[in-house]
Amino acid sequence: GLQMNRGGPGGCARPPAPAAHGYGQGGPPPAVRLRGLPFSATEQDVYTFFGKHDVVERVDNSKNAVRMITKGNGKASGQVVVLLNSRGDIPVVQQVLNG
């Protein structure tokens, strides 16, 4: 019969092709993930939080720059992904928000 190889001993897991993630040649967009948000947090709360730390101008200005992550059942997970303007903004934002 057929057996599924789950990558155990002797398994050969190949990394996905670069285009498989849908970001083209540029790699994933610059973003930070925040955890531990109140389940009631909104996109506006995230912008306000970034504003309090003087890094709101580093957030990308596209309409989907702040994406609340939900669980499989559609409920809030307390996590959010925030797109930034550039890779150079990532360490600045991380340092300010974690400091």
N, C-alpha and C. Protein backbone atom coordinates (compact mmCIF):
# COMPACT_ATOMS: atom_id res chain seq x y z
N GLY A 1 0.82 -1.19 0.00
CA GLY A 1 0.00 0.00 0.00
C GLY A 1 0.86 1.25 0.00
N LEU A 2 0.22 2.38 -0.14
CA LEU A 2 0.91 3.66 -0.11
C LEU A 2 1.16 4.09 1.32
N GLN A 3 2.30 4.72 1.52
CA GLN A 3 2.60 5.24 2.85
C GLN A 3 2.88 6.73 2.74
N MET A 4 2.41 7.47 3.73
CA MET A 4 2.71 8.90 3.77
C MET A 4 4.04 9.09 4.48
N ASN A 5 4.93 9.84 3.88
CA ASN A 5 6.20 10.14 4.53
C ASN A 5 6.03 11.47 5.26
N ARG A 6 6.12 11.45 6.56
CA ARG A 6 5.90 12.66 7.35
C ARG A 6 7.22 13.34 7.72
N GLY A 7 8.27 13.07 6.98
CA GLY A 7 9.52 13.77 7.23
C GLY A 7 10.32 13.17 8.37
N GLY A 8 10.04 11.94 8.74
CA GLY A 8 10.77 11.27 9.80
C GLY A 8 12.15 10.86 9.32
N PRO A 9 12.79 9.92 10.01
CA PRO A 9 14.12 9.48 9.58
C PRO A 9 14.11 9.02 8.13
N GLY A 10 15.04 9.53 7.38
CA GLY A 10 15.12 9.17 5.97
C GLY A 10 14.21 9.99 5.09
N GLY A 11 13.37 10.81 5.68
CA GLY A 11 12.46 11.64 4.89
C GLY A 11 13.20 12.81 4.26
N CYS A 12 12.74 13.23 3.13
CA CYS A 12 13.38 14.34 2.44
C CYS A 12 12.35 15.43 2.23
N ALA A 13 12.38 16.44 3.08
CA ALA A 13 11.44 17.55 2.94
C ALA A 13 12.09 18.66 2.13
N ARG A 14 11.50 18.94 0.98
CA ARG A 14 12.05 20.00 0.14
C ARG A 14 11.40 21.33 0.50
N PRO A 15 12.20 22.40 0.57
CA PRO A 15 11.59 23.70 0.83
C PRO A 15 10.73 24.11 -0.36
N PRO A 16 9.68 24.89 -0.12
CA PRO A 16 8.83 25.31 -1.24
C PRO A 16 9.58 26.24 -2.18
N ALA A 17 9.16 26.28 -3.42
CA ALA A 17 9.76 27.18 -4.39
C ALA A 17 9.51 28.62 -3.95
N PRO A 18 10.43 29.52 -4.25
CA PRO A 18 10.28 30.91 -3.79
C PRO A 18 8.95 31.55 -4.16
N ALA A 19 8.40 31.23 -5.31
CA ALA A 19 7.16 31.88 -5.74
C ALA A 19 5.93 31.29 -5.03
N ALA A 20 6.11 30.19 -4.29
CA ALA A 20 4.97 29.50 -3.71
C ALA A 20 4.24 30.33 -2.67
N HIS A 21 4.92 31.30 -2.04
CA HIS A 21 4.25 32.07 -1.00
C HIS A 21 3.50 33.28 -1.55
N GLY A 22 3.59 33.54 -2.85
CA GLY A 22 2.78 34.58 -3.45
C GLY A 22 3.33 35.99 -3.31
N TYR A 23 4.56 36.15 -2.86
CA TYR A 23 5.12 37.49 -2.69
C TYR A 23 6.04 37.88 -3.83
N GLY A 24 6.15 37.04 -4.86
CA GLY A 24 7.02 37.37 -5.98
C GLY A 24 8.48 37.30 -5.57
N GLN A 25 9.30 38.09 -6.22
CA GLN A 25 10.74 38.04 -5.96
C GLN A 25 11.15 38.83 -4.72
N GLY A 26 10.31 39.71 -4.24
CA GLY A 26 10.71 40.60 -3.16
C GLY A 26 10.67 39.98 -1.78
N GLY A 27 10.20 38.75 -1.65
CA GLY A 27 10.08 38.14 -0.34
C GLY A 27 8.84 38.66 0.36
N PRO A 28 8.60 38.19 1.58
CA PRO A 28 7.41 38.64 2.30
C PRO A 28 7.47 40.13 2.59
N PRO A 29 6.33 40.78 2.68
CA PRO A 29 6.33 42.21 2.96
C PRO A 29 6.83 42.48 4.38
N PRO A 30 7.39 43.66 4.63
CA PRO A 30 7.86 43.97 5.98
C PRO A 30 6.67 44.08 6.93
N ALA A 31 6.68 43.30 7.98
CA ALA A 31 5.55 43.29 8.91
C ALA A 31 6.01 42.87 10.29
N VAL A 32 5.24 43.24 11.29
CA VAL A 32 5.46 42.77 12.65
C VAL A 32 4.17 42.13 13.14
N ARG A 33 4.32 41.14 14.01
CA ARG A 33 3.16 40.48 14.61
C ARG A 33 3.12 40.85 16.08
N LEU A 34 1.97 41.32 16.52
CA LEU A 34 1.78 41.66 17.92
C LEU A 34 0.90 40.59 18.55
N ARG A 35 1.25 40.20 19.78
CA ARG A 35 0.47 39.20 20.49
C ARG A 35 -0.01 39.77 21.82
N GLY A 36 -0.98 39.12 22.39
CA GLY A 36 -1.45 39.50 23.72
C GLY A 36 -2.38 40.70 23.73
N LEU A 37 -2.98 41.01 22.58
CA LEU A 37 -3.95 42.10 22.54
C LEU A 37 -5.25 41.66 23.20
N PRO A 38 -5.99 42.61 23.76
CA PRO A 38 -7.32 42.24 24.27
C PRO A 38 -8.17 41.73 23.11
N PHE A 39 -9.03 40.77 23.37
CA PHE A 39 -9.85 40.21 22.29
C PHE A 39 -10.78 41.26 21.70
N SER A 40 -11.01 42.34 22.44
CA SER A 40 -11.89 43.41 21.96
C SER A 40 -11.15 44.44 21.12
N ALA A 41 -9.83 44.29 20.95
CA ALA A 41 -9.03 45.28 20.22
C ALA A 41 -9.49 45.41 18.77
N THR A 42 -9.45 46.63 18.25
CA THR A 42 -9.84 46.91 16.87
C THR A 42 -8.62 47.43 16.11
N GLU A 43 -8.77 47.56 14.79
CA GLU A 43 -7.70 48.14 13.98
C GLU A 43 -7.35 49.53 14.50
N GLN A 44 -8.36 50.31 14.85
CA GLN A 44 -8.12 51.67 15.33
C GLN A 44 -7.31 51.65 16.63
N ASP A 45 -7.56 50.66 17.49
CA ASP A 45 -6.78 50.53 18.72
C ASP A 45 -5.31 50.31 18.41
N VAL A 46 -5.04 49.52 17.37
CA VAL A 46 -3.66 49.25 16.98
C VAL A 46 -2.99 50.54 16.49
N TYR A 47 -3.70 51.30 15.65
CA TYR A 47 -3.15 52.58 15.18
C TYR A 47 -2.89 53.52 16.36
N THR A 48 -3.81 53.55 17.31
CA THR A 48 -3.66 54.41 18.49
C THR A 48 -2.43 53.99 19.29
N PHE A 49 -2.25 52.68 19.46
CA PHE A 49 -1.10 52.14 20.18
C PHE A 49 0.21 52.55 19.50
N PHE A 50 0.26 52.41 18.17
CA PHE A 50 1.46 52.82 17.44
C PHE A 50 1.67 54.33 17.57
N GLY A 51 0.58 55.10 17.57
CA GLY A 51 0.68 56.55 17.71
C GLY A 51 1.25 56.96 19.05
N LYS A 52 0.85 56.26 20.12
CA LYS A 52 1.37 56.56 21.46
C LYS A 52 2.87 56.36 21.52
N HIS A 53 3.39 55.46 20.71
CA HIS A 53 4.82 55.16 20.71
C HIS A 53 5.56 55.87 19.58
N ASP A 54 4.88 56.81 18.93
CA ASP A 54 5.48 57.62 17.85
C ASP A 54 6.03 56.80 16.70
N VAL A 55 5.38 55.69 16.37
CA VAL A 55 5.81 54.89 15.22
C VAL A 55 4.67 54.66 14.23
N VAL A 56 3.56 55.38 14.40
CA VAL A 56 2.41 55.15 13.51
C VAL A 56 2.76 55.52 12.07
N GLU A 57 3.69 56.45 11.87
CA GLU A 57 4.06 56.84 10.50
C GLU A 57 4.85 55.74 9.80
N ARG A 58 5.29 54.74 10.54
CA ARG A 58 6.02 53.63 9.92
C ARG A 58 5.08 52.54 9.41
N VAL A 59 3.80 52.63 9.74
CA VAL A 59 2.80 51.67 9.26
C VAL A 59 2.49 51.97 7.80
N ASP A 60 2.44 50.93 6.99
CA ASP A 60 2.09 51.07 5.58
C ASP A 60 0.72 51.73 5.47
N ASN A 61 0.52 52.57 4.45
CA ASN A 61 -0.76 53.28 4.37
C ASN A 61 -1.79 52.59 3.49
N SER A 62 -1.61 51.30 3.21
CA SER A 62 -2.64 50.56 2.48
C SER A 62 -3.80 50.25 3.43
N LYS A 63 -4.98 49.98 2.86
CA LYS A 63 -6.15 49.78 3.72
C LYS A 63 -6.09 48.47 4.50
N ASN A 64 -5.24 47.53 4.07
CA ASN A 64 -5.12 46.26 4.79
C ASN A 64 -3.83 46.17 5.60
N ALA A 65 -3.28 47.31 5.99
CA ALA A 65 -2.00 47.32 6.71
C ALA A 65 -2.11 46.67 8.08
N VAL A 66 -3.27 46.76 8.71
CA VAL A 66 -3.48 46.15 10.02
C VAL A 66 -4.47 45.00 9.84
N ARG A 67 -4.00 43.78 10.13
CA ARG A 67 -4.85 42.60 9.92
C ARG A 67 -5.00 41.84 11.23
N MET A 68 -6.20 41.86 11.77
CA MET A 68 -6.48 41.13 12.99
C MET A 68 -6.51 39.63 12.66
N ILE A 69 -5.83 38.83 13.46
CA ILE A 69 -5.80 37.39 13.22
C ILE A 69 -6.91 36.74 14.04
N THR A 70 -7.73 35.94 13.37
CA THR A 70 -8.81 35.26 14.06
C THR A 70 -8.53 33.77 14.13
N LYS A 71 -9.15 33.12 15.09
CA LYS A 71 -9.05 31.67 15.21
C LYS A 71 -9.93 31.04 14.14
N GLY A 72 -9.85 29.73 14.02
CA GLY A 72 -10.63 29.01 13.03
C GLY A 72 -12.13 29.23 13.17
N ASN A 73 -12.58 29.53 14.39
CA ASN A 73 -14.01 29.74 14.61
C ASN A 73 -14.42 31.19 14.38
N GLY A 74 -13.48 32.03 13.91
CA GLY A 74 -13.80 33.42 13.61
C GLY A 74 -13.64 34.37 14.79
N LYS A 75 -13.33 33.84 15.97
CA LYS A 75 -13.16 34.69 17.15
C LYS A 75 -11.75 35.27 17.20
N ALA A 76 -11.61 36.37 17.91
CA ALA A 76 -10.32 37.05 18.02
C ALA A 76 -9.29 36.14 18.68
N SER A 77 -8.03 36.26 18.22
CA SER A 77 -6.94 35.46 18.79
C SER A 77 -6.04 36.29 19.69
N GLY A 78 -6.25 37.61 19.70
CA GLY A 78 -5.36 38.48 20.47
C GLY A 78 -4.07 38.78 19.73
N GLN A 79 -4.03 38.48 18.43
CA GLN A 79 -2.85 38.74 17.62
C GLN A 79 -3.22 39.61 16.42
N VAL A 80 -2.24 40.37 15.94
CA VAL A 80 -2.45 41.22 14.77
C VAL A 80 -1.14 41.28 13.99
N VAL A 81 -1.25 41.35 12.67
CA VAL A 81 -0.08 41.56 11.81
C VAL A 81 -0.19 42.97 11.25
N VAL A 82 0.90 43.74 11.37
CA VAL A 82 0.91 45.12 10.91
C VAL A 82 1.97 45.26 9.83
N LEU A 83 1.55 45.66 8.63
CA LEU A 83 2.49 45.90 7.54
C LEU A 83 3.18 47.24 7.76
N LEU A 84 4.49 47.27 7.49
CA LEU A 84 5.27 48.49 7.66
C LEU A 84 5.73 49.00 6.30
N ASN A 85 6.27 50.21 6.28
CA ASN A 85 6.71 50.82 5.03
C ASN A 85 7.94 50.14 4.44
N SER A 86 8.87 49.71 5.30
CA SER A 86 10.10 49.11 4.79
C SER A 86 10.68 48.16 5.82
N ARG A 87 11.62 47.32 5.36
CA ARG A 87 12.29 46.39 6.27
C ARG A 87 13.03 47.14 7.37
N GLY A 88 13.53 48.33 7.04
CA GLY A 88 14.26 49.11 8.03
C GLY A 88 13.39 49.55 9.20
N ASP A 89 12.07 49.56 9.00
CA ASP A 89 11.16 49.95 10.08
C ASP A 89 10.97 48.83 11.10
N ILE A 90 11.22 47.60 10.72
CA ILE A 90 10.94 46.46 11.60
C ILE A 90 11.70 46.55 12.93
N PRO A 91 13.06 46.67 12.91
CA PRO A 91 13.75 46.71 14.20
C PRO A 91 13.39 47.94 15.04
N VAL A 92 13.11 49.07 14.38
CA VAL A 92 12.74 50.29 15.10
C VAL A 92 11.43 50.07 15.84
N VAL A 93 10.43 49.55 15.13
CA VAL A 93 9.12 49.31 15.73
C VAL A 93 9.22 48.26 16.84
N GLN A 94 9.97 47.18 16.58
CA GLN A 94 10.10 46.12 17.59
C GLN A 94 10.75 46.67 18.86
N GLN A 95 11.79 47.47 18.70
CA GLN A 95 12.49 48.00 19.87
C GLN A 95 11.59 48.92 20.68
N VAL A 96 10.86 49.80 20.00
CA VAL A 96 9.98 50.74 20.68
C VAL A 96 8.84 50.02 21.39
N LEU A 97 8.21 49.07 20.71
CA LEU A 97 7.05 48.40 21.28
C LEU A 97 7.43 47.40 22.37
N ASN A 98 8.64 46.82 22.27
CA ASN A 98 9.07 45.85 23.27
C ASN A 98 9.78 46.52 24.44
N GLY A 99 10.20 47.78 24.24
CA GLY A 99 10.97 48.48 25.26
C GLY A 99 10.07 49.02 26.32
